[in-house]
């Protein structure tokens, strides 16, 4: 199993989209990848992984330096938009 590099590029680009519905789909994708890798890590720590096909590939570890700035930008943009609603 591998993750196509194009998937990373596509999800990064769509997270930067001004259309929230589109951006949130990519954020949800990476959130699910994070959750799956976290669960696999817990199972591995408990020595419960016996299926070699279910081992983490640590995709998120490699993408964090790119994901975090985009997510922070989305959060601050979202916050700025909400502040305008109260005026």
PDB file of N, CA and C in Angstrom:
ATOM      1  N   UNK A   1       0.834  -1.181   0.000  1.00  0.00           N
ATOM      2  CA  UNK A   1       0.000   0.000   0.000  1.00  0.00           C
ATOM      3  C   UNK A   1       0.878   1.244   0.000  1.00  0.00           C
ATOM      4  N   UNK A   2       0.481   2.219  -0.760  1.00  0.00           N
ATOM      5  CA  UNK A   2       1.220   3.477  -0.795  1.00  0.00           C
ATOM      6  C   UNK A   2       0.235   4.602  -1.036  1.00  0.00           C
ATOM      7  N   UNK A   3       0.694   5.806  -0.814  1.00  0.00           N
ATOM      8  CA  UNK A   3      -0.144   6.963  -1.095  1.00  0.00           C
ATOM      9  C   UNK A   3       0.486   7.713  -2.261  1.00  0.00           C
ATOM     10  N   UNK A   4      -0.276   7.880  -3.279  1.00  0.00           N
ATOM     11  CA  UNK A   4       0.180   8.589  -4.470  1.00  0.00           C
ATOM     12  C   UNK A   4       0.523  10.035  -4.097  1.00  0.00           C
ATOM     13  N   UNK A   5       1.687  10.532  -4.497  1.00  0.00           N
ATOM     14  CA  UNK A   5       2.049  11.922  -4.193  1.00  0.00           C
ATOM     15  C   UNK A   5       1.033  12.936  -4.717  1.00  0.00           C
ATOM     16  N   UNK A   6       0.341  12.599  -5.788  1.00  0.00           N
ATOM     17  CA  UNK A   6      -0.671  13.518  -6.329  1.00  0.00           C
ATOM     18  C   UNK A   6      -1.798  13.734  -5.330  1.00  0.00           C
ATOM     19  N   UNK A   7      -2.114  12.719  -4.535  1.00  0.00           N
ATOM     20  CA  UNK A   7      -3.168  12.852  -3.534  1.00  0.00           C
ATOM     21  C   UNK A   7      -2.792  13.917  -2.506  1.00  0.00           C
ATOM     22  N   UNK A   8      -1.536  13.929  -2.118  1.00  0.00           N
ATOM     23  CA  UNK A   8      -1.064  14.950  -1.184  1.00  0.00           C
ATOM     24  C   UNK A   8      -1.228  16.342  -1.795  1.00  0.00           C
ATOM     25  N   UNK A   9      -0.797  16.507  -3.023  1.00  0.00           N
ATOM     26  CA  UNK A   9      -0.879  17.813  -3.697  1.00  0.00           C
ATOM     27  C   UNK A   9      -2.333  18.251  -3.833  1.00  0.00           C
ATOM     28  N   UNK A  10      -3.189  17.347  -4.238  1.00  0.00           N
ATOM     29  CA  UNK A  10      -4.607  17.679  -4.419  1.00  0.00           C
ATOM     30  C   UNK A  10      -5.239  18.091  -3.097  1.00  0.00           C
ATOM     31  N   UNK A  11      -4.995  17.316  -2.043  1.00  0.00           N
ATOM     32  CA  UNK A  11      -5.613  17.646  -0.758  1.00  0.00           C
ATOM     33  C   UNK A  11      -5.052  18.948  -0.187  1.00  0.00           C
ATOM     34  N   UNK A  12      -3.764  19.199  -0.390  1.00  0.00           N
ATOM     35  CA  UNK A  12      -3.194  20.465   0.084  1.00  0.00           C
ATOM     36  C   UNK A  12      -3.824  21.647  -0.657  1.00  0.00           C
ATOM     37  N   UNK A  13      -3.974  21.514  -1.958  1.00  0.00           N
ATOM     38  CA  UNK A  13      -4.584  22.588  -2.749  1.00  0.00           C
ATOM     39  C   UNK A  13      -6.037  22.819  -2.353  1.00  0.00           C
ATOM     40  N   UNK A  14      -6.777  21.753  -2.144  1.00  0.00           N
ATOM     41  CA  UNK A  14      -8.193  21.924  -1.805  1.00  0.00           C
ATOM     42  C   UNK A  14      -8.378  22.445  -0.385  1.00  0.00           C
ATOM     43  N   UNK A  15      -7.437  22.174   0.508  1.00  0.00           N
ATOM     44  CA  UNK A  15      -7.537  22.747   1.856  1.00  0.00           C
ATOM     45  C   UNK A  15      -7.397  24.263   1.811  1.00  0.00           C
ATOM     46  N   UNK A  16      -6.756  24.773   0.791  1.00  0.00           N
ATOM     47  CA  UNK A  16      -6.564  26.219   0.634  1.00  0.00           C
ATOM     48  C   UNK A  16      -7.728  26.874  -0.113  1.00  0.00           C
ATOM     49  N   UNK A  17      -8.698  26.073  -0.526  1.00  0.00           N
ATOM     50  CA  UNK A  17      -9.828  26.574  -1.301  1.00  0.00           C
ATOM     51  C   UNK A  17     -10.652  27.567  -0.491  1.00  0.00           C
ATOM     52  N   UNK A  18     -11.209  28.556  -1.173  1.00  0.00           N
ATOM     53  CA  UNK A  18     -12.093  29.509  -0.505  1.00  0.00           C
ATOM     54  C   UNK A  18     -13.483  28.910  -0.281  1.00  0.00           C
ATOM     55  N   UNK A  19     -13.732  27.756  -0.868  1.00  0.00           N
ATOM     56  CA  UNK A  19     -15.008  27.063  -0.674  1.00  0.00           C
ATOM     57  C   UNK A  19     -14.860  26.093   0.497  1.00  0.00           C
ATOM     58  N   UNK A  20     -15.474  26.458   1.612  1.00  0.00           N
ATOM     59  CA  UNK A  20     -15.314  25.667   2.830  1.00  0.00           C
ATOM     60  C   UNK A  20     -15.667  24.199   2.652  1.00  0.00           C
ATOM     61  N   UNK A  21     -16.741  23.917   1.913  1.00  0.00           N
ATOM     62  CA  UNK A  21     -17.174  22.528   1.748  1.00  0.00           C
ATOM     63  C   UNK A  21     -16.079  21.682   1.097  1.00  0.00           C
ATOM     64  N   UNK A  22     -15.392  22.269   0.151  1.00  0.00           N
ATOM     65  CA  UNK A  22     -14.314  21.562  -0.545  1.00  0.00           C
ATOM     66  C   UNK A  22     -13.118  21.398   0.388  1.00  0.00           C
ATOM     67  N   UNK A  23     -12.741  22.461   1.050  1.00  0.00           N
ATOM     68  CA  UNK A  23     -11.590  22.418   1.955  1.00  0.00           C
ATOM     69  C   UNK A  23     -11.818  21.418   3.079  1.00  0.00           C
ATOM     70  N   UNK A  24     -13.021  21.387   3.616  1.00  0.00           N
ATOM     71  CA  UNK A  24     -13.297  20.496   4.741  1.00  0.00           C
ATOM     72  C   UNK A  24     -13.221  19.025   4.349  1.00  0.00           C
ATOM     73  N   UNK A  25     -13.474  18.702   3.097  1.00  0.00           N
ATOM     74  CA  UNK A  25     -13.334  17.312   2.650  1.00  0.00           C
ATOM     75  C   UNK A  25     -11.879  16.851   2.756  1.00  0.00           C
ATOM     76  N   UNK A  26     -10.956  17.707   2.379  1.00  0.00           N
ATOM     77  CA  UNK A  26      -9.536  17.362   2.478  1.00  0.00           C
ATOM     78  C   UNK A  26      -9.077  17.320   3.925  1.00  0.00           C
ATOM     79  N   UNK A  27      -9.579  18.236   4.725  1.00  0.00           N
ATOM     80  CA  UNK A  27      -9.245  18.217   6.150  1.00  0.00           C
ATOM     81  C   UNK A  27      -9.762  16.933   6.781  1.00  0.00           C
ATOM     82  N   UNK A  28     -10.963  16.546   6.418  1.00  0.00           N
ATOM     83  CA  UNK A  28     -11.542  15.296   6.929  1.00  0.00           C
ATOM     84  C   UNK A  28     -10.714  14.090   6.492  1.00  0.00           C
ATOM     85  N   UNK A  29     -10.231  14.107   5.264  1.00  0.00           N
ATOM     86  CA  UNK A  29      -9.386  13.014   4.781  1.00  0.00           C
ATOM     87  C   UNK A  29      -8.169  12.852   5.682  1.00  0.00           C
ATOM     88  N   UNK A  30      -7.437  13.954   5.924  1.00  0.00           N
ATOM     89  CA  UNK A  30      -6.232  13.868   6.748  1.00  0.00           C
ATOM     90  C   UNK A  30      -6.563  13.563   8.198  1.00  0.00           C
ATOM     91  N   UNK A  31      -7.703  14.014   8.659  1.00  0.00           N
ATOM     92  CA  UNK A  31      -8.141  13.671  10.010  1.00  0.00           C
ATOM     93  C   UNK A  31      -8.347  12.164  10.138  1.00  0.00           C
ATOM     94  N   UNK A  32      -8.960  11.567   9.131  1.00  0.00           N
ATOM     95  CA  UNK A  32      -9.164  10.114   9.145  1.00  0.00           C
ATOM     96  C   UNK A  32      -7.847   9.353   9.072  1.00  0.00           C
ATOM     97  N   UNK A  33      -6.913   9.846   8.268  1.00  0.00           N
ATOM     98  CA  UNK A  33      -5.593   9.208   8.191  1.00  0.00           C
ATOM     99  C   UNK A  33      -4.915   9.289   9.560  1.00  0.00           C
ATOM    100  N   UNK A  34      -4.998  10.449  10.202  1.00  0.00           N
ATOM    101  CA  UNK A  34      -4.412  10.612  11.541  1.00  0.00           C
ATOM    102  C   UNK A  34      -5.028   9.640  12.537  1.00  0.00           C
ATOM    103  N   UNK A  35      -6.342   9.552  12.526  1.00  0.00           N
ATOM    104  CA  UNK A  35      -7.022   8.648  13.455  1.00  0.00           C
ATOM    105  C   UNK A  35      -6.613   7.203  13.232  1.00  0.00           C
ATOM    106  N   UNK A  36      -6.548   6.795  11.993  1.00  0.00           N
ATOM    107  CA  UNK A  36      -6.162   5.417  11.677  1.00  0.00           C
ATOM    108  C   UNK A  36      -4.730   5.139  12.133  1.00  0.00           C
ATOM    109  N   UNK A  37      -3.824   6.057  11.859  1.00  0.00           N
ATOM    110  CA  UNK A  37      -2.435   5.856  12.266  1.00  0.00           C
ATOM    111  C   UNK A  37      -2.299   5.859  13.786  1.00  0.00           C
ATOM    112  N   UNK A  38      -3.080   6.678  14.451  1.00  0.00           N
ATOM    113  CA  UNK A  38      -3.062   6.707  15.915  1.00  0.00           C
ATOM    114  C   UNK A  38      -3.545   5.374  16.483  1.00  0.00           C
ATOM    115  N   UNK A  39      -4.645   4.876  15.949  1.00  0.00           N
ATOM    116  CA  UNK A  39      -5.174   3.583  16.407  1.00  0.00           C
ATOM    117  C   UNK A  39      -4.172   2.460  16.165  1.00  0.00           C
ATOM    118  N   UNK A  40      -3.534   2.472  15.017  1.00  0.00           N
ATOM    119  CA  UNK A  40      -2.520   1.454  14.725  1.00  0.00           C
ATOM    120  C   UNK A  40      -1.341   1.561  15.685  1.00  0.00           C
ATOM    121  N   UNK A  41      -0.973   2.781  16.032  1.00  0.00           N
ATOM    122  CA  UNK A  41       0.128   2.971  16.975  1.00  0.00           C
ATOM    123  C   UNK A  41      -0.239   2.417  18.349  1.00  0.00           C
ATOM    124  N   UNK A  42      -1.466   2.659  18.785  1.00  0.00           N
ATOM    125  CA  UNK A  42      -1.905   2.116  20.071  1.00  0.00           C
ATOM    126  C   UNK A  42      -1.884   0.595  20.065  1.00  0.00           C
ATOM    127  N   UNK A  43      -2.393   0.008  18.991  1.00  0.00           N
ATOM    128  CA  UNK A  43      -2.380  -1.452  18.888  1.00  0.00           C
ATOM    129  C   UNK A  43      -0.955  -1.993  18.867  1.00  0.00           C
ATOM    130  N   UNK A  44      -0.089  -1.293  18.180  1.00  0.00           N
ATOM    131  CA  UNK A  44       1.304  -1.729  18.104  1.00  0.00           C
ATOM    132  C   UNK A  44       1.962  -1.669  19.484  1.00  0.00           C
ATOM    133  N   UNK A  45       1.668  -0.618  20.245  1.00  0.00           N
ATOM    134  CA  UNK A  45       2.225  -0.494  21.588  1.00  0.00           C
ATOM    135  C   UNK A  45       1.718  -1.601  22.506  1.00  0.00           C
ATOM    136  N   UNK A  46       0.503  -2.050  22.263  1.00  0.00           N
ATOM    137  CA  UNK A  46      -0.074  -3.128  23.065  1.00  0.00           C
ATOM    138  C   UNK A  46       0.266  -4.500  22.495  1.00  0.00           C
ATOM    139  N   UNK A  47       1.106  -4.504  21.456  1.00  0.00           N
ATOM    140  CA  UNK A  47       1.518  -5.751  20.797  1.00  0.00           C
ATOM    141  C   UNK A  47       0.333  -6.555  20.275  1.00  0.00           C
ATOM    142  N   UNK A  48      -0.663  -5.859  19.763  1.00  0.00           N
ATOM    143  CA  UNK A  48      -1.853  -6.535  19.249  1.00  0.00           C
ATOM    144  C   UNK A  48      -1.883  -6.596  17.731  1.00  0.00           C
ATOM    145  N   UNK A  49      -0.890  -6.041  17.069  1.00  0.00           N
ATOM    146  CA  UNK A  49      -0.869  -6.106  15.607  1.00  0.00           C
ATOM    147  C   UNK A  49      -0.161  -7.386  15.202  1.00  0.00           C
ATOM    148  N   UNK A  50      -0.899  -8.229  14.523  1.00  0.00           N
ATOM    149  CA  UNK A  50      -0.303  -9.458  14.002  1.00  0.00           C
ATOM    150  C   UNK A  50      -0.357  -9.474  12.479  1.00  0.00           C
ATOM    151  N   UNK A  51      -1.201  -8.642  11.911  1.00  0.00           N
ATOM    152  CA  UNK A  51      -1.360  -8.556  10.465  1.00  0.00           C
ATOM    153  C   UNK A  51      -0.403  -7.499   9.917  1.00  0.00           C
ATOM    154  N   UNK A  52       0.578  -7.924   9.150  1.00  0.00           N
ATOM    155  CA  UNK A  52       1.568  -6.986   8.617  1.00  0.00           C
ATOM    156  C   UNK A  52       0.955  -5.965   7.665  1.00  0.00           C
ATOM    157  N   UNK A  53      -0.198  -6.263   7.094  1.00  0.00           N
ATOM    158  CA  UNK A  53      -0.868  -5.321   6.194  1.00  0.00           C
ATOM    159  C   UNK A  53      -1.516  -4.170   6.958  1.00  0.00           C
ATOM    160  N   UNK A  54      -1.654  -4.308   8.265  1.00  0.00           N
ATOM    161  CA  UNK A  54      -2.307  -3.277   9.072  1.00  0.00           C
ATOM    162  C   UNK A  54      -1.304  -2.422   9.838  1.00  0.00           C
ATOM    163  N   UNK A  55      -0.073  -2.353   9.398  1.00  0.00           N
ATOM    164  CA  UNK A  55       0.911  -1.509  10.064  1.00  0.00           C
ATOM    165  C   UNK A  55       0.866  -0.102   9.483  1.00  0.00           C
ATOM    166  N   UNK A  56       1.138   0.861  10.339  1.00  0.00           N
ATOM    167  CA  UNK A  56       1.131   2.257   9.913  1.00  0.00           C
ATOM    168  C   UNK A  56       2.249   2.529   8.922  1.00  0.00           C
ATOM    169  N   UNK A  57       1.945   3.363   7.947  1.00  0.00           N
ATOM    170  CA  UNK A  57       2.946   3.803   6.972  1.00  0.00           C
ATOM    171  C   UNK A  57       3.463   5.198   7.326  1.00  0.00           C
ATOM    172  N   UNK A  58       2.940   5.769   8.404  1.00  0.00           N
ATOM    173  CA  UNK A  58       3.376   7.073   8.911  1.00  0.00           C
ATOM    174  C   UNK A  58       3.280   8.183   7.862  1.00  0.00           C
ATOM    175  N   UNK A  59       2.185   8.197   7.143  1.00  0.00           N
ATOM    176  CA  UNK A  59       1.976   9.243   6.138  1.00  0.00           C
ATOM    177  C   UNK A  59       1.905  10.627   6.791  1.00  0.00           C
ATOM    178  N   UNK A  60       1.206  10.701   7.908  1.00  0.00           N
ATOM    179  CA  UNK A  60       0.991  11.996   8.547  1.00  0.00           C
ATOM    180  C   UNK A  60       2.307  12.578   9.051  1.00  0.00           C
ATOM    181  N   UNK A  61       3.174  11.738   9.564  1.00  0.00           N
ATOM    182  CA  UNK A  61       4.464  12.212  10.070  1.00  0.00           C
ATOM    183  C   UNK A  61       5.209  13.007   8.988  1.00  0.00           C
ATOM    184  N   UNK A  62       5.168  12.532   7.772  1.00  0.00           N
ATOM    185  CA  UNK A  62       5.856  13.218   6.679  1.00  0.00           C
ATOM    186  C   UNK A  62       5.143  14.459   6.182  1.00  0.00           C
ATOM    187  N   UNK A  63       3.841  14.519   6.405  1.00  0.00           N
ATOM    188  CA  UNK A  63       3.068  15.654   5.887  1.00  0.00           C
ATOM    189  C   UNK A  63       2.831  16.751   6.915  1.00  0.00           C
ATOM    190  N   UNK A  64       3.087  16.485   8.187  1.00  0.00           N
ATOM    191  CA  UNK A  64       2.811  17.481   9.227  1.00  0.00           C
ATOM    192  C   UNK A  64       3.435  18.851   8.967  1.00  0.00           C
ATOM    193  N   UNK A  65       4.692  18.930   8.530  1.00  0.00           N
ATOM    194  CA  UNK A  65       5.264  20.261   8.288  1.00  0.00           C
ATOM    195  C   UNK A  65       4.501  21.062   7.226  1.00  0.00           C
ATOM    196  N   UNK A  66       3.749  20.382   6.396  1.00  0.00           N
ATOM    197  CA  UNK A  66       2.975  21.052   5.345  1.00  0.00           C
ATOM    198  C   UNK A  66       1.524  21.260   5.767  1.00  0.00           C
ATOM    199  N   UNK A  67       0.977  20.292   6.491  1.00  0.00           N
ATOM    200  CA  UNK A  67      -0.423  20.360   6.902  1.00  0.00           C
ATOM    201  C   UNK A  67      -0.673  21.422   7.966  1.00  0.00           C
ATOM    202  N   UNK A  68       0.175  21.475   8.967  1.00  0.00           N
ATOM    203  CA  UNK A  68      -0.066  22.368  10.101  1.00  0.00           C
ATOM    204  C   UNK A  68      -0.179  23.836   9.680  1.00  0.00           C
ATOM    205  N   UNK A  69       0.728  24.376   8.879  1.00  0.00           N
ATOM    206  CA  UNK A  69       0.567  25.787   8.479  1.00  0.00           C
ATOM    207  C   UNK A  69      -0.744  26.054   7.722  1.00  0.00           C
ATOM    208  N   UNK A  70      -1.146  25.120   6.880  1.00  0.00           N
ATOM    209  CA  UNK A  70      -2.394  25.305   6.128  1.00  0.00           C
ATOM    210  C   UNK A  70      -3.587  25.259   7.077  1.00  0.00           C
ATOM    211  N   UNK A  71      -3.569  24.333   8.015  1.00  0.00           N
ATOM    212  CA  UNK A  71      -4.664  24.242   8.983  1.00  0.00           C
ATOM    213  C   UNK A  71      -4.726  25.486   9.865  1.00  0.00           C
ATOM    214  N   UNK A  72      -3.582  25.959  10.308  1.00  0.00           N
ATOM    215  CA  UNK A  72      -3.558  27.184  11.117  1.00  0.00           C
ATOM    216  C   UNK A  72      -4.080  28.379  10.324  1.00  0.00           C
ATOM    217  N   UNK A  73      -3.723  28.456   9.067  1.00  0.00           N
ATOM    218  CA  UNK A  73      -4.224  29.537   8.213  1.00  0.00           C
ATOM    219  C   UNK A  73      -5.740  29.458   8.082  1.00  0.00           C
ATOM    220  N   UNK A  74      -6.261  28.252   7.898  1.00  0.00           N
ATOM    221  CA  UNK A  74      -7.719  28.081   7.791  1.00  0.00           C
ATOM    222  C   UNK A  74      -8.394  28.505   9.084  1.00  0.00           C
ATOM    223  N   UNK A  75      -7.812  28.138  10.205  1.00  0.00           N
ATOM    224  CA  UNK A  75      -8.408  28.495  11.492  1.00  0.00           C
ATOM    225  C   UNK A  75      -8.416  30.005  11.708  1.00  0.00           C
ATOM    226  N   UNK A  76      -7.337  30.670  11.373  1.00  0.00           N
ATOM    227  CA  UNK A  76      -7.298  32.117  11.566  1.00  0.00           C
ATOM    228  C   UNK A  76      -8.206  32.830  10.578  1.00  0.00           C
ATOM    229  N   UNK A  77      -8.308  32.312   9.370  1.00  0.00           N
ATOM    230  CA  UNK A  77      -9.225  32.887   8.385  1.00  0.00           C
ATOM    231  C   UNK A  77     -10.658  32.710   8.856  1.00  0.00           C
ATOM    232  N   UNK A  78     -10.962  31.531   9.365  1.00  0.00           N
ATOM    233  CA  UNK A  78     -12.294  31.239   9.882  1.00  0.00           C
ATOM    234  C   UNK A  78     -12.613  32.183  11.036  1.00  0.00           C
ATOM    235  N   UNK A  79     -11.652  32.388  11.916  1.00  0.00           N
ATOM    236  CA  UNK A  79     -11.837  33.253  13.062  1.00  0.00           C
ATOM    237  C   UNK A  79     -12.072  34.694  12.628  1.00  0.00           C
ATOM    238  N   UNK A  80     -11.312  35.175  11.651  1.00  0.00           N
ATOM    239  CA  UNK A  80     -11.493  36.527  11.137  1.00  0.00           C
ATOM    240  C   UNK A  80     -12.875  36.702  10.526  1.00  0.00           C
ATOM    241  N   UNK A  81     -13.355  35.700   9.823  1.00  0.00           N
ATOM    242  CA  UNK A  81     -14.681  35.762   9.211  1.00  0.00           C
ATOM    243  C   UNK A  81     -15.755  35.836  10.278  1.00  0.00           C
ATOM    244  N   UNK A  82     -15.589  35.075  11.342  1.00  0.00           N
ATOM    245  CA  UNK A  82     -16.566  35.085  12.425  1.00  0.00           C
ATOM    246  C   UNK A  82     -16.580  36.425  13.145  1.00  0.00           C
ATOM    247  N   UNK A  83     -15.430  37.069  13.286  1.00  0.00           N
ATOM    248  CA  UNK A  83     -15.376  38.382  13.915  1.00  0.00           C
ATOM    249  C   UNK A  83     -16.167  39.405  13.114  1.00  0.00           C
ATOM    250  N   UNK A  84     -16.135  39.310  11.807  1.00  0.00           N
ATOM    251  CA  UNK A  84     -16.874  40.232  10.949  1.00  0.00           C
ATOM    252  C   UNK A  84     -18.377  40.079  11.124  1.00  0.00           C
ATOM    253  N   UNK A  85     -18.837  38.889  11.467  1.00  0.00           N
ATOM    254  CA  UNK A  85     -20.264  38.648  11.640  1.00  0.00           C
ATOM    255  C   UNK A  85     -20.835  39.426  12.823  1.00  0.00           C
ATOM    256  N   UNK A  86     -20.015  39.746  13.798  1.00  0.00           N
ATOM    257  CA  UNK A  86     -20.500  40.414  14.995  1.00  0.00           C
ATOM    258  C   UNK A  86     -20.555  41.925  14.860  1.00  0.00           C
ATOM    259  N   UNK A  87     -20.028  42.455  13.794  1.00  0.00           N
ATOM    260  CA  UNK A  87     -20.026  43.914  13.610  1.00  0.00           C
ATOM    261  C   UNK A  87     -21.379  44.431  13.212  1.00  0.00           C
TER     262      UNK A  87
END
